[in-house]
């Protein structure tokens, strides 16, 4: 079992497994770290139990999403980017692209979504990778640039999990690559949005 200093909000200090989350029905929970401007941050969210809408009377557009919101210095949400259980990327609820065109695999039990955020003042860079059982699924990585987003001093980003129905279990872990490191190099990207 991996250790973590990252927790879901409202879970910190409750037990040694406070980086684990169980959700029933519709709920949105943020990670307890704010990603400040000028920092690079990487974390993993593992889907331990995938929600489904088999008990629902209607088919939902999403059963769950994992994403990042960008806030101004006062905490007001500016924009949101997320990936759905079908591995499609959305910005402000508008479909942008699949995570990759090379391998269209959705999430399931054992899936791990890794976010790397380079939170710059202009055009933050977000890399999303989809792993299953500890290995990256072939070509299942995408890099996106928030072209229209301009942030001011004091702005920050937060990562969240939102579930729309059913029962789901999630875990959040620090990723070995980095944690809240100051950026010092320019960003190269594959896709611009």
Protein backbone atom coordinates (compact mmCIF):
# COMPACT_ATOMS: atom_id res chain seq x y z
CA UNK A 1 0.00 0.00 0.00
CA UNK A 2 1.33 3.43 -0.96
CA UNK A 3 1.51 6.22 1.58
CA UNK A 4 0.20 9.70 0.90
CA UNK A 5 0.31 13.20 2.37
CA UNK A 6 -2.56 14.18 0.09
CA UNK A 7 -6.14 13.80 1.29
CA UNK A 8 -9.69 14.36 0.16
CA UNK A 9 -11.18 17.48 1.80
CA UNK A 10 -13.20 16.67 4.89
CA UNK A 11 -11.31 13.39 5.34
CA UNK A 12 -7.98 14.64 6.73
CA UNK A 13 -7.05 13.29 10.14
CA UNK A 14 -10.07 10.99 10.37
CA UNK A 15 -7.97 7.81 10.06
CA UNK A 16 -4.80 6.40 8.53
CA UNK A 17 -6.74 5.81 5.30
CA UNK A 18 -7.94 9.39 4.84
CA UNK A 19 -6.61 9.39 1.29
CA UNK A 20 -9.43 6.92 0.48
CA UNK A 21 -12.96 8.04 -0.34
CA UNK A 22 -16.32 6.25 -0.60
CA UNK A 23 -19.14 8.04 -2.39
CA UNK A 24 -22.81 7.15 -2.72
CA UNK A 25 -24.93 9.08 -5.20
CA UNK A 26 -24.03 12.53 -6.51
CA UNK A 27 -21.17 14.29 -4.73
CA UNK A 28 -18.12 16.41 -5.61
CA UNK A 29 -15.01 16.25 -3.40
CA UNK A 30 -11.79 18.25 -3.80
CA UNK A 31 -8.23 17.22 -2.95
CA UNK A 32 -6.86 19.23 0.00
CA UNK A 33 -3.90 20.79 -1.89
CA UNK A 34 -4.14 24.13 -3.67
CA UNK A 35 -1.79 24.30 -6.66
CA UNK A 36 -0.31 27.81 -6.63
CA UNK A 37 0.73 29.78 -9.70
CA UNK A 38 4.27 28.98 -10.83
CA UNK A 39 4.25 25.41 -9.52
CA UNK A 40 4.21 21.96 -11.11
CA UNK A 41 2.20 19.26 -9.34
CA UNK A 42 1.56 15.57 -10.09
CA UNK A 43 -0.86 13.20 -8.37
CA UNK A 44 -2.72 9.95 -9.03
CA UNK A 45 -6.37 9.16 -8.40
CA UNK A 46 -7.13 5.45 -8.39
CA UNK A 47 -10.61 4.07 -9.06
CA UNK A 48 -11.01 1.24 -6.56
CA UNK A 49 -14.71 0.70 -7.24
CA UNK A 50 -16.28 2.18 -10.38
CA UNK A 51 -19.78 3.68 -10.10
CA UNK A 52 -22.51 2.68 -12.52
CA UNK A 53 -26.04 3.82 -13.21
CA UNK A 54 -27.63 0.39 -13.62
CA UNK A 55 -30.12 1.22 -10.85
CA UNK A 56 -31.05 4.56 -12.39
CA UNK A 57 -34.23 5.02 -14.41
CA UNK A 58 -32.42 7.04 -17.07
CA UNK A 59 -28.99 6.82 -18.69
CA UNK A 60 -26.65 9.51 -17.36
CA UNK A 61 -24.18 11.37 -19.56
CA UNK A 62 -21.39 10.72 -17.01
CA UNK A 63 -21.17 8.41 -14.02
CA UNK A 64 -18.00 10.12 -12.73
CA UNK A 65 -15.42 12.72 -13.71
CA UNK A 66 -11.96 13.65 -12.42
CA UNK A 67 -10.76 17.16 -13.09
CA UNK A 68 -9.15 20.43 -12.14
CA UNK A 69 -10.73 23.80 -11.42
CA UNK A 70 -8.87 27.10 -11.69
CA UNK A 71 -9.78 29.77 -9.12
CA UNK A 72 -8.98 33.45 -8.70
CA UNK A 73 -7.37 34.84 -5.52
CA UNK A 74 -10.81 35.07 -3.86
CA UNK A 75 -11.63 31.41 -4.54
CA UNK A 76 -14.09 32.12 -7.36
CA UNK A 77 -14.02 29.39 -10.01
CA UNK A 78 -12.79 30.62 -13.41
CA UNK A 79 -12.79 27.46 -15.51
CA UNK A 80 -12.88 23.67 -15.20
CA UNK A 81 -11.25 20.87 -17.16
CA UNK A 82 -12.05 17.20 -16.59
CA UNK A 83 -11.84 13.69 -17.96
CA UNK A 84 -14.90 11.42 -17.96
CA UNK A 85 -15.12 7.68 -17.32
CA UNK A 86 -15.04 7.26 -21.12
CA UNK A 87 -11.66 9.09 -21.20
CA UNK A 88 -13.07 12.12 -23.02
CA UNK A 89 -11.74 15.56 -22.07
CA UNK A 90 -14.09 18.49 -21.41
CA UNK A 91 -13.53 22.18 -20.68
CA UNK A 92 -16.43 23.97 -18.99
CA UNK A 93 -18.71 21.03 -19.88
CA UNK A 94 -17.87 21.22 -23.61
CA UNK A 95 -16.30 18.16 -25.22
CA UNK A 96 -12.78 18.95 -26.47
CA UNK A 97 -11.27 15.61 -27.52
CA UNK A 98 -10.68 12.04 -26.36
CA UNK A 99 -7.63 11.62 -24.16
CA UNK A 100 -5.98 10.10 -27.21
CA UNK A 101 -7.15 9.11 -30.67
CA UNK A 102 -4.78 6.10 -30.67
CA UNK A 103 -6.41 4.01 -27.96
CA UNK A 104 -9.97 4.74 -26.80
CA UNK A 105 -10.18 2.82 -23.51
CA UNK A 106 -12.48 3.99 -20.72
CA UNK A 107 -11.83 3.78 -16.99
CA UNK A 108 -12.70 0.78 -14.84
CA UNK A 109 -11.78 -0.79 -11.49
CA UNK A 110 -7.99 -0.56 -11.19
CA UNK A 111 -7.75 2.51 -13.42
CA UNK A 112 -5.50 5.31 -12.25
CA UNK A 113 -5.74 8.83 -13.64
CA UNK A 114 -2.50 10.82 -13.27
CA UNK A 115 -2.67 14.62 -13.51
CA UNK A 116 0.44 16.76 -14.02
CA UNK A 117 -0.40 20.45 -13.82
CA UNK A 118 2.03 23.22 -14.71
CA UNK A 119 0.10 26.15 -13.30
CA UNK A 120 1.36 29.16 -15.23
CA UNK A 121 -0.15 32.65 -15.29
CA UNK A 122 -1.05 32.32 -18.96
CA UNK A 123 -2.13 29.08 -20.63
CA UNK A 124 -1.63 26.45 -17.88
CA UNK A 125 -0.43 23.07 -19.16
CA UNK A 126 -2.20 19.85 -18.09
CA UNK A 127 -1.03 16.32 -18.84
CA UNK A 128 -3.45 13.45 -18.16
CA UNK A 129 -2.40 9.78 -18.24
CA UNK A 130 -4.54 6.65 -17.84
CA UNK A 131 -2.94 3.67 -16.08
CA UNK A 132 -4.49 0.31 -15.26
CA UNK A 133 -3.02 -2.02 -12.63
CA UNK A 134 0.15 0.08 -12.41
CA UNK A 135 0.92 0.27 -16.15
CA UNK A 136 0.07 3.01 -18.59
CA UNK A 137 -2.41 1.88 -21.21
CA UNK A 138 -0.77 2.15 -24.66
CA UNK A 139 -0.81 5.73 -25.95
CA UNK A 140 -3.29 6.78 -23.24
CA UNK A 141 -1.70 10.13 -22.41
CA UNK A 142 -2.69 13.58 -23.58
CA UNK A 143 -1.30 17.06 -23.00
CA UNK A 144 -3.60 20.07 -23.15
CA UNK A 145 -3.02 23.81 -22.90
CA UNK A 146 -5.69 26.11 -21.50
CA UNK A 147 -5.13 28.73 -24.22
CA UNK A 148 -7.82 31.18 -23.12
CA UNK A 149 -7.04 31.15 -19.39
CA UNK A 150 -5.16 34.16 -17.99
CA UNK A 151 -4.59 34.08 -14.23
CA UNK A 152 -3.67 36.85 -11.80
CA UNK A 153 -1.53 36.79 -8.66
CA UNK A 154 -3.08 34.63 -5.96
CA UNK A 155 -4.86 32.32 -8.39
CA UNK A 156 -4.71 28.58 -7.75
CA UNK A 157 -5.96 25.24 -9.05
CA UNK A 158 -7.61 22.30 -7.24
CA UNK A 159 -8.20 18.72 -8.36
CA UNK A 160 -11.54 17.00 -7.71
CA UNK A 161 -13.57 13.82 -8.11
CA UNK A 162 -17.26 14.13 -8.93
CA UNK A 163 -19.57 11.13 -8.94
CA UNK A 164 -23.11 11.33 -10.31
CA UNK A 165 -24.71 8.04 -9.24
CA UNK A 166 -24.18 4.65 -7.67
CA UNK A 167 -21.36 3.66 -5.32
CA UNK A 168 -17.69 4.40 -5.95
CA UNK A 169 -14.39 4.18 -4.10
CA UNK A 170 -11.34 6.29 -4.87
CA UNK A 171 -7.82 6.80 -3.53
CA UNK A 172 -5.43 9.70 -4.04
CA UNK A 173 -1.64 9.36 -3.93
CA UNK A 174 1.40 11.48 -4.48
CA UNK A 175 3.03 10.64 -7.76
CA UNK A 176 6.81 10.03 -7.67
CA UNK A 177 7.53 12.63 -10.39
CA UNK A 178 6.95 15.83 -8.44
CA UNK A 179 5.03 17.65 -5.78
CA UNK A 180 4.53 21.40 -5.78
CA UNK A 181 7.86 22.13 -7.47
CA UNK A 182 8.70 25.57 -8.77
CA UNK A 183 8.83 25.57 -12.56
CA UNK A 184 12.03 26.64 -14.24
CA UNK A 185 11.75 25.37 -17.81
CA UNK A 186 9.51 26.22 -20.73
CA UNK A 187 6.56 23.98 -21.55
CA UNK A 188 6.28 21.83 -24.66
CA UNK A 189 2.86 20.54 -25.61
CA UNK A 190 1.27 18.12 -28.04
CA UNK A 191 -2.16 19.69 -28.19
CA UNK A 192 -3.30 23.28 -27.82
CA UNK A 193 -6.82 24.07 -26.75
